[in-house]
Protein backbone atom coordinates (compact mmCIF):
# COMPACT_ATOMS: atom_id res chain seq x y z
CA UNK A 1 27.02 126.58 66.02
CA UNK A 2 23.53 125.17 66.41
CA UNK A 3 22.25 127.52 63.71
CA UNK A 4 25.01 126.31 61.39
CA UNK A 5 24.02 122.68 62.04
CA UNK A 6 20.37 123.47 61.31
CA UNK A 7 21.32 125.19 58.06
CA UNK A 8 23.35 122.18 56.95
CA UNK A 9 20.47 119.79 57.61
CA UNK A 10 17.66 121.88 56.12
CA UNK A 11 19.50 124.16 53.72
CA UNK A 12 17.78 125.39 50.58
CA UNK A 13 20.76 124.87 48.27
CA UNK A 14 22.94 122.13 49.70
CA UNK A 15 22.04 119.42 52.16
CA UNK A 16 25.07 118.25 54.13
CA UNK A 17 23.81 115.96 56.90
CA UNK A 18 27.24 114.36 57.37
CA UNK A 19 28.86 117.69 58.11
CA UNK A 20 25.96 118.59 60.39
CA UNK A 21 26.43 115.33 62.30
CA UNK A 22 30.14 115.98 62.68
CA UNK A 23 29.52 119.50 63.99
CA UNK A 24 26.87 118.19 66.40
CA UNK A 25 29.30 115.59 67.72
CA UNK A 26 31.99 118.23 68.20
CA UNK A 27 29.47 120.40 70.05
CA UNK A 28 28.49 117.53 72.36
CA UNK A 29 32.13 116.68 73.09
CA UNK A 30 32.93 120.32 73.79
CA UNK A 31 29.99 120.65 76.18
CA UNK A 32 30.96 117.42 77.95
CA UNK A 33 34.55 118.62 78.35
CA UNK A 34 33.43 121.98 79.77
CA UNK A 35 31.04 120.23 82.17
CA UNK A 36 33.75 117.85 83.41
CA UNK A 37 36.20 120.70 83.94
CA UNK A 38 33.57 122.67 85.84
CA UNK A 39 32.77 119.70 88.08
CA UNK A 40 36.48 119.13 88.75
CA UNK A 41 36.99 122.80 89.65
CA UNK A 42 33.95 122.77 91.94
CA UNK A 43 35.17 119.67 93.79
CA UNK A 44 38.61 121.21 94.07
CA UNK A 45 37.23 124.48 95.47
CA UNK A 46 35.09 122.63 98.05
CA UNK A 47 38.10 120.59 99.10
CA UNK A 48 40.19 123.75 99.59
CA UNK A 49 37.37 125.46 101.51
CA UNK A 50 37.16 122.57 104.01
CA UNK A 51 40.71 123.13 105.22
């Protein structure tokens, strides 16, 4: 996805910075969601291991 964003910003034929910004925002939100889920699962696994 990062290559696609770079192509949209610095493309030879069509510059589409708005689409690149939207894709970058989606990528950031996706990474944040994955990070939060991972942290939640880690806390949950530590809590279960303490029992």
